[in-house]
Amino acid sequence: MSIATKRGDSGQTGLVGDVRISKADQRVEAYGCVDELNSVLGFARSICKNTEICAWTEAIQKTLFRLGAALATAPEAEKKKAEPSMTAADVDELTSLVHKIEATPGILSDWSLPGAHTEAAAFEISRTVCRRAERQVVRLMESGDFVDPQVLPYLNRLSDLLWLFGRLLEVQAGVDSKLRDDTHKSTRWSKAW
């Protein structure tokens, strides 16, 4: 058996539930963004030396497979499932982790300029891919398609968490990535974003 089935050669792909749709469909774009997010998170994890952040990231990656599957499931098949793909507990786990990291002294002191620390920069890239996935899920929802109600909150919370992973790595490394310096103390900049 080969992974090259040739079924997609015409520009169609299959959803869970045996429904064929265009590879340009918003649903495919949404779960494609989540797949990309999982890959860039894998890269970030592969270069991260902080074992705690690596463990959190690996757990998130596993959850993203469920989230991607929820998006790759035909709406009529998703509605027939007895158990939801994503739960409020998935979102709550991220929220708890956000609060835990926010308690780190100095972590929310200013906007950050990506690139001051390699590992943190990898999580910044992950954050921006996560935000793109989030925007695509919103487009899918606004088109009237069914989306598991926990998908959007999960991605929203995850993007916050990925930003915090970067800041935590910088704080632990003693790196200053503040956007502002002594000559730019304007209050028009938010403390975080």
N, C-alpha and C. Protein backbone atom coordinates (compact mmCIF):
# COMPACT_ATOMS: atom_id res chain seq x y z
N MET A 1 0.84 -1.18 0.00
CA MET A 1 0.00 0.00 0.00
C MET A 1 0.88 1.24 0.00
N SER A 2 0.56 2.23 -0.79
CA SER A 2 1.35 3.44 -0.93
C SER A 2 0.57 4.65 -0.43
N ILE A 3 1.31 5.65 0.07
CA ILE A 3 0.62 6.89 0.45
C ILE A 3 0.26 7.70 -0.79
N ALA A 4 0.85 7.36 -1.94
CA ALA A 4 0.53 8.05 -3.20
C ALA A 4 -0.69 7.38 -3.84
N THR A 5 -1.87 7.78 -3.35
CA THR A 5 -3.11 7.17 -3.83
C THR A 5 -3.56 7.76 -5.16
N LYS A 6 -3.07 8.93 -5.51
CA LYS A 6 -3.42 9.66 -6.74
C LYS A 6 -4.84 10.22 -6.69
N ARG A 7 -5.54 10.02 -5.57
CA ARG A 7 -6.92 10.53 -5.48
C ARG A 7 -6.96 12.05 -5.45
N GLY A 8 -5.85 12.68 -5.04
CA GLY A 8 -5.82 14.14 -4.96
C GLY A 8 -5.30 14.82 -6.21
N ASP A 9 -4.98 14.04 -7.23
CA ASP A 9 -4.39 14.62 -8.45
C ASP A 9 -5.33 15.59 -9.16
N SER A 10 -6.60 15.50 -8.90
CA SER A 10 -7.58 16.38 -9.57
C SER A 10 -7.87 17.64 -8.76
N GLY A 11 -7.19 17.80 -7.61
CA GLY A 11 -7.41 18.99 -6.78
C GLY A 11 -8.46 18.80 -5.71
N GLN A 12 -8.88 17.56 -5.49
CA GLN A 12 -9.85 17.24 -4.43
C GLN A 12 -9.14 16.48 -3.32
N THR A 13 -9.66 16.55 -2.13
CA THR A 13 -9.16 15.77 -1.00
C THR A 13 -10.35 15.25 -0.21
N GLY A 14 -10.08 14.29 0.65
CA GLY A 14 -11.16 13.69 1.43
C GLY A 14 -11.16 14.15 2.87
N LEU A 15 -12.35 14.44 3.37
CA LEU A 15 -12.52 14.74 4.79
C LEU A 15 -12.86 13.45 5.52
N VAL A 16 -12.68 13.45 6.83
CA VAL A 16 -13.17 12.35 7.64
C VAL A 16 -14.69 12.33 7.48
N GLY A 17 -15.24 11.18 7.16
CA GLY A 17 -16.66 11.09 6.85
C GLY A 17 -16.87 10.84 5.37
N ASP A 18 -15.76 10.61 4.64
CA ASP A 18 -15.78 10.24 3.24
C ASP A 18 -16.47 11.27 2.35
N VAL A 19 -16.16 12.54 2.59
CA VAL A 19 -16.67 13.64 1.76
C VAL A 19 -15.49 14.21 1.00
N ARG A 20 -15.63 14.38 -0.30
CA ARG A 20 -14.57 14.95 -1.14
C ARG A 20 -14.83 16.45 -1.32
N ILE A 21 -13.78 17.25 -1.13
CA ILE A 21 -13.89 18.70 -1.31
C ILE A 21 -12.63 19.21 -2.01
N SER A 22 -12.68 20.44 -2.47
CA SER A 22 -11.53 21.08 -3.12
C SER A 22 -10.41 21.29 -2.11
N LYS A 23 -9.20 21.11 -2.59
CA LYS A 23 -8.04 21.39 -1.74
C LYS A 23 -7.91 22.88 -1.43
N ALA A 24 -8.67 23.72 -2.15
CA ALA A 24 -8.67 25.16 -1.90
C ALA A 24 -9.80 25.57 -0.94
N ASP A 25 -10.57 24.61 -0.44
CA ASP A 25 -11.67 24.90 0.48
C ASP A 25 -11.13 25.51 1.77
N GLN A 26 -11.92 26.39 2.37
CA GLN A 26 -11.50 27.04 3.62
C GLN A 26 -11.25 26.04 4.74
N ARG A 27 -11.97 24.94 4.75
CA ARG A 27 -11.76 23.91 5.78
C ARG A 27 -10.38 23.28 5.62
N VAL A 28 -9.99 23.01 4.39
CA VAL A 28 -8.67 22.43 4.12
C VAL A 28 -7.59 23.43 4.50
N GLU A 29 -7.82 24.69 4.17
CA GLU A 29 -6.86 25.74 4.54
C GLU A 29 -6.72 25.81 6.07
N ALA A 30 -7.82 25.68 6.79
CA ALA A 30 -7.78 25.76 8.25
C ALA A 30 -6.97 24.61 8.84
N TYR A 31 -7.27 23.37 8.43
CA TYR A 31 -6.51 22.28 9.04
C TYR A 31 -5.09 22.22 8.48
N GLY A 32 -4.88 22.79 7.29
CA GLY A 32 -3.51 22.91 6.76
C GLY A 32 -2.67 23.86 7.60
N CYS A 33 -3.28 24.96 8.04
CA CYS A 33 -2.57 25.90 8.92
C CYS A 33 -2.23 25.24 10.26
N VAL A 34 -3.14 24.42 10.77
CA VAL A 34 -2.87 23.72 12.04
C VAL A 34 -1.75 22.71 11.84
N ASP A 35 -1.71 22.04 10.70
CA ASP A 35 -0.63 21.11 10.39
C ASP A 35 0.71 21.86 10.33
N GLU A 36 0.71 23.02 9.68
CA GLU A 36 1.92 23.84 9.62
C GLU A 36 2.34 24.27 11.03
N LEU A 37 1.38 24.67 11.84
CA LEU A 37 1.67 25.05 13.22
C LEU A 37 2.34 23.90 13.97
N ASN A 38 1.82 22.70 13.81
CA ASN A 38 2.39 21.55 14.49
C ASN A 38 3.83 21.33 14.05
N SER A 39 4.11 21.53 12.77
CA SER A 39 5.47 21.36 12.26
C SER A 39 6.43 22.40 12.81
N VAL A 40 6.01 23.67 12.82
CA VAL A 40 6.92 24.70 13.35
C VAL A 40 7.09 24.56 14.85
N LEU A 41 6.06 24.07 15.54
CA LEU A 41 6.23 23.77 16.97
C LEU A 41 7.23 22.63 17.16
N GLY A 42 7.20 21.66 16.27
CA GLY A 42 8.18 20.57 16.33
C GLY A 42 9.58 21.10 16.17
N PHE A 43 9.78 22.05 15.26
CA PHE A 43 11.10 22.66 15.10
C PHE A 43 11.49 23.41 16.37
N ALA A 44 10.56 24.22 16.90
CA ALA A 44 10.86 24.97 18.13
C ALA A 44 11.26 24.01 19.26
N ARG A 45 10.51 22.93 19.39
CA ARG A 45 10.81 21.94 20.44
C ARG A 45 12.17 21.30 20.20
N SER A 46 12.52 21.07 18.93
CA SER A 46 13.77 20.38 18.63
C SER A 46 15.00 21.21 19.00
N ILE A 47 14.87 22.54 19.05
CA ILE A 47 16.03 23.37 19.41
C ILE A 47 15.95 23.91 20.83
N CYS A 48 14.82 23.70 21.49
CA CYS A 48 14.61 24.24 22.85
C CYS A 48 15.35 23.36 23.87
N LYS A 49 16.08 24.01 24.75
CA LYS A 49 16.82 23.29 25.78
C LYS A 49 16.08 23.23 27.12
N ASN A 50 14.97 23.94 27.22
CA ASN A 50 14.18 23.95 28.45
C ASN A 50 13.26 22.73 28.44
N THR A 51 13.55 21.76 29.30
CA THR A 51 12.80 20.49 29.27
C THR A 51 11.33 20.68 29.62
N GLU A 52 11.01 21.63 30.48
CA GLU A 52 9.61 21.86 30.85
C GLU A 52 8.82 22.41 29.66
N ILE A 53 9.38 23.39 28.97
CA ILE A 53 8.72 23.94 27.79
C ILE A 53 8.62 22.88 26.69
N CYS A 54 9.65 22.05 26.55
CA CYS A 54 9.60 20.96 25.56
C CYS A 54 8.46 19.99 25.87
N ALA A 55 8.28 19.65 27.13
CA ALA A 55 7.20 18.73 27.51
C ALA A 55 5.84 19.36 27.25
N TRP A 56 5.69 20.63 27.61
CA TRP A 56 4.42 21.33 27.34
C TRP A 56 4.15 21.37 25.84
N THR A 57 5.20 21.66 25.06
CA THR A 57 5.04 21.76 23.61
C THR A 57 4.64 20.42 23.00
N GLU A 58 5.26 19.36 23.46
CA GLU A 58 4.91 18.03 22.93
C GLU A 58 3.45 17.70 23.23
N ALA A 59 2.99 18.02 24.42
CA ALA A 59 1.59 17.77 24.78
C ALA A 59 0.66 18.60 23.89
N ILE A 60 1.04 19.84 23.63
CA ILE A 60 0.25 20.71 22.74
C ILE A 60 0.21 20.13 21.34
N GLN A 61 1.34 19.64 20.85
CA GLN A 61 1.38 19.06 19.51
C GLN A 61 0.41 17.88 19.40
N LYS A 62 0.34 17.07 20.43
CA LYS A 62 -0.58 15.93 20.41
C LYS A 62 -2.03 16.41 20.37
N THR A 63 -2.32 17.46 21.13
CA THR A 63 -3.67 18.03 21.10
C THR A 63 -3.99 18.63 19.73
N LEU A 64 -2.98 19.23 19.10
CA LEU A 64 -3.20 19.80 17.77
C LEU A 64 -3.58 18.74 16.74
N PHE A 65 -3.16 17.50 16.93
CA PHE A 65 -3.61 16.44 16.03
C PHE A 65 -5.11 16.23 16.18
N ARG A 66 -5.62 16.29 17.41
CA ARG A 66 -7.08 16.19 17.62
C ARG A 66 -7.79 17.38 17.03
N LEU A 67 -7.22 18.57 17.22
CA LEU A 67 -7.83 19.78 16.70
C LEU A 67 -7.87 19.74 15.17
N GLY A 68 -6.76 19.32 14.56
CA GLY A 68 -6.72 19.21 13.11
C GLY A 68 -7.73 18.20 12.60
N ALA A 69 -7.87 17.08 13.33
CA ALA A 69 -8.85 16.07 12.95
C ALA A 69 -10.27 16.62 13.05
N ALA A 70 -10.51 17.46 14.05
CA ALA A 70 -11.84 18.07 14.18
C ALA A 70 -12.14 18.94 12.97
N LEU A 71 -11.13 19.69 12.51
CA LEU A 71 -11.32 20.54 11.34
C LEU A 71 -11.41 19.73 10.05
N ALA A 72 -10.76 18.56 10.02
CA ALA A 72 -10.74 17.72 8.82
C ALA A 72 -11.93 16.77 8.75
N THR A 73 -12.84 16.90 9.69
CA THR A 73 -14.03 16.05 9.70
C THR A 73 -15.19 16.79 9.04
N ALA A 74 -15.85 16.12 8.14
CA ALA A 74 -17.02 16.72 7.48
C ALA A 74 -18.02 17.14 8.55
N PRO A 75 -18.61 18.34 8.42
CA PRO A 75 -19.54 18.82 9.45
C PRO A 75 -20.65 17.83 9.80
N GLU A 76 -21.19 17.15 8.81
CA GLU A 76 -22.27 16.20 9.10
C GLU A 76 -21.76 15.00 9.91
N ALA A 77 -20.51 14.60 9.69
CA ALA A 77 -19.93 13.49 10.47
C ALA A 77 -19.59 13.97 11.88
N GLU A 78 -19.10 15.20 12.00
CA GLU A 78 -18.73 15.75 13.31
C GLU A 78 -19.95 15.84 14.22
N LYS A 79 -21.07 16.27 13.68
CA LYS A 79 -22.29 16.43 14.49
C LYS A 79 -22.84 15.10 14.98
N LYS A 80 -22.49 13.99 14.30
CA LYS A 80 -22.99 12.68 14.69
C LYS A 80 -22.12 12.01 15.75
N LYS A 81 -20.92 12.57 16.00
CA LYS A 81 -20.01 11.95 16.96
C LYS A 81 -20.56 12.06 18.38
N ALA A 82 -20.35 11.01 19.16
CA ALA A 82 -20.82 11.01 20.54
C ALA A 82 -19.95 11.91 21.42
N GLU A 83 -18.66 11.93 21.16
CA GLU A 83 -17.72 12.73 21.96
C GLU A 83 -17.14 13.85 21.11
N PRO A 84 -17.03 15.06 21.67
CA PRO A 84 -16.40 16.14 20.91
C PRO A 84 -14.89 15.90 20.77
N SER A 85 -14.32 16.40 19.69
CA SER A 85 -12.87 16.26 19.49
C SER A 85 -12.09 17.09 20.49
N MET A 86 -12.60 18.27 20.78
CA MET A 86 -11.95 19.21 21.69
C MET A 86 -12.91 19.48 22.85
N THR A 87 -12.34 19.76 24.03
CA THR A 87 -13.18 20.02 25.19
C THR A 87 -12.76 21.33 25.86
N ALA A 88 -13.61 21.80 26.73
CA ALA A 88 -13.28 23.00 27.51
C ALA A 88 -12.05 22.73 28.38
N ALA A 89 -11.85 21.48 28.78
CA ALA A 89 -10.68 21.13 29.59
C ALA A 89 -9.39 21.37 28.82
N ASP A 90 -9.42 21.17 27.50
CA ASP A 90 -8.23 21.45 26.67
C ASP A 90 -7.87 22.93 26.75
N VAL A 91 -8.88 23.77 26.66
CA VAL A 91 -8.66 25.22 26.73
C VAL A 91 -8.22 25.61 28.14
N ASP A 92 -8.87 25.02 29.15
CA ASP A 92 -8.53 25.33 30.54
C ASP A 92 -7.08 25.00 30.88
N GLU A 93 -6.56 23.91 30.31
CA GLU A 93 -5.16 23.55 30.55
C GLU A 93 -4.23 24.65 30.06
N LEU A 94 -4.51 25.18 28.88
CA LEU A 94 -3.68 26.26 28.36
C LEU A 94 -3.82 27.52 29.21
N THR A 95 -5.06 27.82 29.61
CA THR A 95 -5.30 29.01 30.44
C THR A 95 -4.52 28.93 31.74
N SER A 96 -4.51 27.76 32.36
CA SER A 96 -3.75 27.58 33.61
C SER A 96 -2.26 27.78 33.39
N LEU A 97 -1.77 27.29 32.28
CA LEU A 97 -0.36 27.45 31.96
C LEU A 97 -0.02 28.91 31.68
N VAL A 98 -0.92 29.62 31.00
CA VAL A 98 -0.73 31.06 30.77
C VAL A 98 -0.58 31.77 32.10
N HIS A 99 -1.50 31.49 33.04
CA HIS A 99 -1.44 32.16 34.35
C HIS A 99 -0.17 31.81 35.11
N LYS A 100 0.25 30.57 35.01
CA LYS A 100 1.48 30.14 35.69
C LYS A 100 2.69 30.92 35.17
N ILE A 101 2.81 31.03 33.86
CA ILE A 101 3.97 31.71 33.28
C ILE A 101 3.88 33.22 33.48
N GLU A 102 2.67 33.78 33.42
CA GLU A 102 2.50 35.22 33.65
C GLU A 102 2.99 35.65 35.03
N ALA A 103 3.01 34.72 35.98
CA ALA A 103 3.45 35.04 37.33
C ALA A 103 4.97 35.20 37.43
N THR A 104 5.69 34.89 36.37
CA THR A 104 7.15 35.04 36.36
C THR A 104 7.51 36.52 36.39
N PRO A 105 8.31 36.96 37.36
CA PRO A 105 8.68 38.37 37.43
C PRO A 105 9.35 38.86 36.14
N GLY A 106 8.90 40.02 35.66
CA GLY A 106 9.50 40.67 34.50
C GLY A 106 9.03 40.16 33.16
N ILE A 107 8.12 39.20 33.16
CA ILE A 107 7.73 38.59 31.88
C ILE A 107 6.83 39.47 31.02
N LEU A 108 6.06 40.35 31.63
CA LEU A 108 5.15 41.21 30.88
C LEU A 108 5.56 42.67 30.94
N SER A 109 6.84 42.93 30.86
CA SER A 109 7.32 44.29 31.06
C SER A 109 7.22 45.18 29.83
N ASP A 110 7.17 44.61 28.65
CA ASP A 110 7.15 45.45 27.44
C ASP A 110 6.83 44.58 26.23
N TRP A 111 6.59 45.23 25.09
CA TRP A 111 6.53 44.52 23.82
C TRP A 111 7.91 43.89 23.62
N SER A 112 7.96 42.80 22.89
CA SER A 112 9.25 42.17 22.62
C SER A 112 9.56 42.29 21.14
N LEU A 113 10.83 42.36 20.84
CA LEU A 113 11.30 42.39 19.47
C LEU A 113 11.86 41.01 19.15
N PRO A 114 11.19 40.23 18.29
CA PRO A 114 11.66 38.87 18.01
C PRO A 114 13.08 38.84 17.46
N GLY A 115 13.83 37.82 17.90
CA GLY A 115 15.16 37.61 17.35
C GLY A 115 16.29 37.76 18.33
N ALA A 116 16.02 38.15 19.56
CA ALA A 116 17.09 38.33 20.54
C ALA A 116 17.59 36.99 21.09
N HIS A 117 16.82 35.93 20.89
CA HIS A 117 17.15 34.61 21.44
C HIS A 117 16.61 33.57 20.45
N THR A 118 17.45 32.66 20.00
CA THR A 118 17.08 31.71 18.94
C THR A 118 15.86 30.87 19.30
N GLU A 119 15.86 30.26 20.48
CA GLU A 119 14.75 29.40 20.87
C GLU A 119 13.45 30.20 20.98
N ALA A 120 13.54 31.39 21.57
CA ALA A 120 12.36 32.25 21.69
C ALA A 120 11.84 32.65 20.31
N ALA A 121 12.75 32.92 19.38
CA ALA A 121 12.35 33.31 18.03
C ALA A 121 11.57 32.18 17.34
N ALA A 122 11.96 30.93 17.60
CA ALA A 122 11.24 29.79 17.02
C ALA A 122 9.81 29.74 17.55
N PHE A 123 9.62 30.07 18.82
CA PHE A 123 8.26 30.10 19.37
C PHE A 123 7.48 31.31 18.85
N GLU A 124 8.18 32.41 18.52
CA GLU A 124 7.52 33.56 17.90
C GLU A 124 6.97 33.18 16.52
N ILE A 125 7.75 32.43 15.75
CA ILE A 125 7.26 31.97 14.44
C ILE A 125 6.03 31.09 14.65
N SER A 126 6.10 30.21 15.63
CA SER A 126 4.95 29.35 15.94
C SER A 126 3.72 30.19 16.29
N ARG A 127 3.94 31.24 17.06
CA ARG A 127 2.82 32.12 17.46
C ARG A 127 2.15 32.75 16.24
N THR A 128 2.96 33.20 15.29
CA THR A 128 2.37 33.86 14.13
C THR A 128 1.63 32.87 13.24
N VAL A 129 2.12 31.64 13.15
CA VAL A 129 1.41 30.60 12.39
C VAL A 129 0.10 30.26 13.11
N CYS A 130 0.15 30.23 14.44
CA CYS A 130 -1.06 29.97 15.23
C CYS A 130 -2.10 31.05 14.99
N ARG A 131 -1.68 32.30 14.94
CA ARG A 131 -2.63 33.40 14.69
C ARG A 131 -3.23 33.28 13.28
N ARG A 132 -2.42 32.82 12.31
CA ARG A 132 -2.96 32.63 10.96
C ARG A 132 -3.99 31.51 10.96
N ALA A 133 -3.70 30.43 11.67
CA ALA A 133 -4.67 29.33 11.78
C ALA A 133 -5.96 29.83 12.42
N GLU A 134 -5.81 30.65 13.43
CA GLU A 134 -6.97 31.22 14.11
C GLU A 134 -7.81 32.06 13.15
N ARG A 135 -7.15 32.91 12.36
CA ARG A 135 -7.88 33.74 11.39
C ARG A 135 -8.60 32.87 10.37
N GLN A 136 -7.96 31.79 9.95
CA GLN A 136 -8.59 30.91 8.96
C GLN A 136 -9.80 30.20 9.54
N VAL A 137 -9.71 29.80 10.81
CA VAL A 137 -10.86 29.17 11.47
C VAL A 137 -12.02 30.17 11.57
N VAL A 138 -11.71 31.42 11.86
CA VAL A 138 -12.76 32.44 11.90
C VAL A 138 -13.42 32.58 10.53
N ARG A 139 -12.62 32.59 9.45
CA ARG A 139 -13.20 32.66 8.10
C ARG A 139 -14.13 31.48 7.85
N LEU A 140 -13.70 30.29 8.27
CA LEU A 140 -14.51 29.09 8.09
C LEU A 140 -15.82 29.22 8.85
N MET A 141 -15.76 29.70 10.08
CA MET A 141 -16.97 29.87 10.88
C MET A 141 -17.88 30.92 10.26
N GLU A 142 -17.30 32.03 9.80
CA GLU A 142 -18.10 33.10 9.22
C GLU A 142 -18.73 32.70 7.90
N SER A 143 -18.19 31.66 7.26
CA SER A 143 -18.80 31.16 6.02
C SER A 143 -20.03 30.31 6.30
N GLY A 144 -20.26 30.02 7.59
CA GLY A 144 -21.42 29.22 7.98
C GLY A 144 -21.12 27.76 8.22
N ASP A 145 -19.87 27.33 8.01
CA ASP A 145 -19.50 25.94 8.26
C ASP A 145 -19.40 25.65 9.75
N PHE A 146 -19.73 24.43 10.11
CA PHE A 146 -19.64 24.01 11.50
C PHE A 146 -18.17 23.86 11.90
N VAL A 147 -17.82 24.38 13.08
CA VAL A 147 -16.50 24.21 13.67
C VAL A 147 -16.72 23.87 15.14
N ASP A 148 -16.02 22.84 15.62
CA ASP A 148 -16.08 22.48 17.03
C ASP A 148 -15.94 23.75 17.86
N PRO A 149 -16.84 24.01 18.82
CA PRO A 149 -16.83 25.29 19.54
C PRO A 149 -15.58 25.55 20.40
N GLN A 150 -14.77 24.53 20.65
CA GLN A 150 -13.56 24.74 21.45
C GLN A 150 -12.32 25.02 20.60
N VAL A 151 -12.42 24.87 19.29
CA VAL A 151 -11.26 25.05 18.42
C VAL A 151 -10.75 26.49 18.48
N LEU A 152 -11.61 27.45 18.29
CA LEU A 152 -11.17 28.85 18.28
C LEU A 152 -10.62 29.30 19.62
N PRO A 153 -11.29 29.03 20.76
CA PRO A 153 -10.70 29.41 22.03
C PRO A 153 -9.33 28.74 22.27
N TYR A 154 -9.19 27.49 21.83
CA TYR A 154 -7.91 26.80 22.02
C TYR A 154 -6.79 27.52 21.25
N LEU A 155 -7.04 27.85 19.99
CA LEU A 155 -6.01 28.52 19.20
C LEU A 155 -5.72 29.91 19.74
N ASN A 156 -6.73 30.61 20.20
CA ASN A 156 -6.53 31.94 20.77
C ASN A 156 -5.65 31.87 22.02
N ARG A 157 -5.96 30.93 22.90
CA ARG A 157 -5.17 30.76 24.11
C ARG A 157 -3.75 30.29 23.79
N LEU A 158 -3.65 29.41 22.78
CA LEU A 158 -2.34 28.88 22.42
C LEU A 158 -1.41 29.97 21.90
N SER A 159 -1.93 30.90 21.12
CA SER A 159 -1.07 31.97 20.61
C SER A 159 -0.53 32.82 21.76
N ASP A 160 -1.37 33.07 22.76
CA ASP A 160 -0.89 33.79 23.95
C ASP A 160 0.22 33.00 24.65
N LEU A 161 -0.01 31.71 24.79
CA LEU A 161 0.95 30.85 25.48
C LEU A 161 2.28 30.80 24.73
N LEU A 162 2.24 30.71 23.42
CA LEU A 162 3.48 30.65 22.64
C LEU A 162 4.28 31.94 22.78
N TRP A 163 3.58 33.08 22.86
CA TRP A 163 4.27 34.34 23.11
C TRP A 163 4.97 34.27 24.48
N LEU A 164 4.27 33.73 25.46
CA LEU A 164 4.84 33.61 26.80
C LEU A 164 6.01 32.63 26.84
N PHE A 165 5.96 31.56 26.07
CA PHE A 165 7.10 30.64 26.01
C PHE A 165 8.35 31.41 25.58
N GLY A 166 8.20 32.25 24.57
CA GLY A 166 9.34 33.05 24.12
C GLY A 166 9.87 33.97 25.19
N ARG A 167 8.95 34.64 25.89
CA ARG A 167 9.38 35.55 26.94
C ARG A 167 10.05 34.79 28.09
N LEU A 168 9.49 33.64 28.46
CA LEU A 168 10.06 32.84 29.54
C LEU A 168 11.48 32.40 29.20
N LEU A 169 11.68 31.95 27.97
CA LEU A 169 13.03 31.55 27.55
C LEU A 169 13.99 32.73 27.63
N GLU A 170 13.53 33.91 27.23
CA GLU A 170 14.39 35.09 27.28
C GLU A 170 14.70 35.49 28.71
N VAL A 171 13.68 35.48 29.58
CA VAL A 171 13.90 35.84 30.98
C VAL A 171 14.90 34.87 31.61
N GLN A 172 14.72 33.59 31.36
CA GLN A 172 15.62 32.59 31.95
C GLN A 172 17.05 32.71 31.41
N ALA A 173 17.19 33.19 30.17
CA ALA A 173 18.52 33.35 29.57
C ALA A 173 19.13 34.72 29.88
N GLY A 174 18.35 35.60 30.55
CA GLY A 174 18.84 36.93 30.86
C GLY A 174 18.91 37.83 29.63
N VAL A 175 18.07 37.55 28.64
CA VAL A 175 18.07 38.31 27.39
C VAL A 175 17.03 39.43 27.48
N ASP A 176 17.42 40.61 27.04
CA ASP A 176 16.51 41.75 27.01
C ASP A 176 16.02 41.94 25.57
N SER A 177 14.75 41.65 25.34
CA SER A 177 14.20 41.82 23.99
C SER A 177 13.17 42.94 23.94
N LYS A 178 13.21 43.83 24.95
CA LYS A 178 12.24 44.93 24.99
C LYS A 178 12.29 45.74 23.71
N LEU A 179 11.13 46.12 23.25
CA LEU A 179 11.03 46.96 22.06
C LEU A 179 11.51 48.38 22.36
N ARG A 180 11.11 48.90 23.52
CA ARG A 180 11.43 50.29 23.85
C ARG A 180 12.77 50.41 24.55
N ASP A 181 13.43 51.54 24.33
CA ASP A 181 14.62 51.86 25.09
C ASP A 181 14.37 53.17 25.83
N ASP A 182 15.37 53.72 26.47
CA ASP A 182 15.18 54.92 27.28
C ASP A 182 14.70 56.13 26.47
N THR A 183 14.93 56.14 25.18
CA THR A 183 14.50 57.27 24.36
C THR A 183 13.07 57.11 23.85
N HIS A 184 12.47 55.93 24.07
CA HIS A 184 11.11 55.67 23.58
C HIS A 184 10.26 55.13 24.72
N LYS A 185 9.81 56.00 25.59
CA LYS A 185 9.02 55.58 26.74
C LYS A 185 7.55 55.96 26.59
N SER A 186 7.12 56.16 25.38
CA SER A 186 5.75 56.57 25.14
C SER A 186 4.76 55.58 25.73
N THR A 187 3.68 56.10 26.30
CA THR A 187 2.64 55.23 26.87
C THR A 187 1.71 54.68 25.80
N ARG A 188 1.92 55.07 24.54
CA ARG A 188 1.03 54.55 23.50
C ARG A 188 1.29 53.08 23.20
N TRP A 189 2.40 52.54 23.69
CA TRP A 189 2.68 51.10 23.53
C TRP A 189 2.09 50.34 24.69
N SER A 190 1.45 49.24 24.39
CA SER A 190 0.91 48.38 25.43
C SER A 190 2.04 47.67 26.16
N LYS A 191 1.77 47.24 27.41
CA LYS A 191 2.78 46.47 28.14
C LYS A 191 2.97 45.10 27.54
N ALA A 192 1.95 44.50 27.02
CA ALA A 192 2.10 43.22 26.33
C ALA A 192 1.60 43.45 24.92
N TRP A 193 0.51 42.92 24.53
CA TRP A 193 -0.17 43.33 23.31
C TRP A 193 -1.60 43.13 23.45
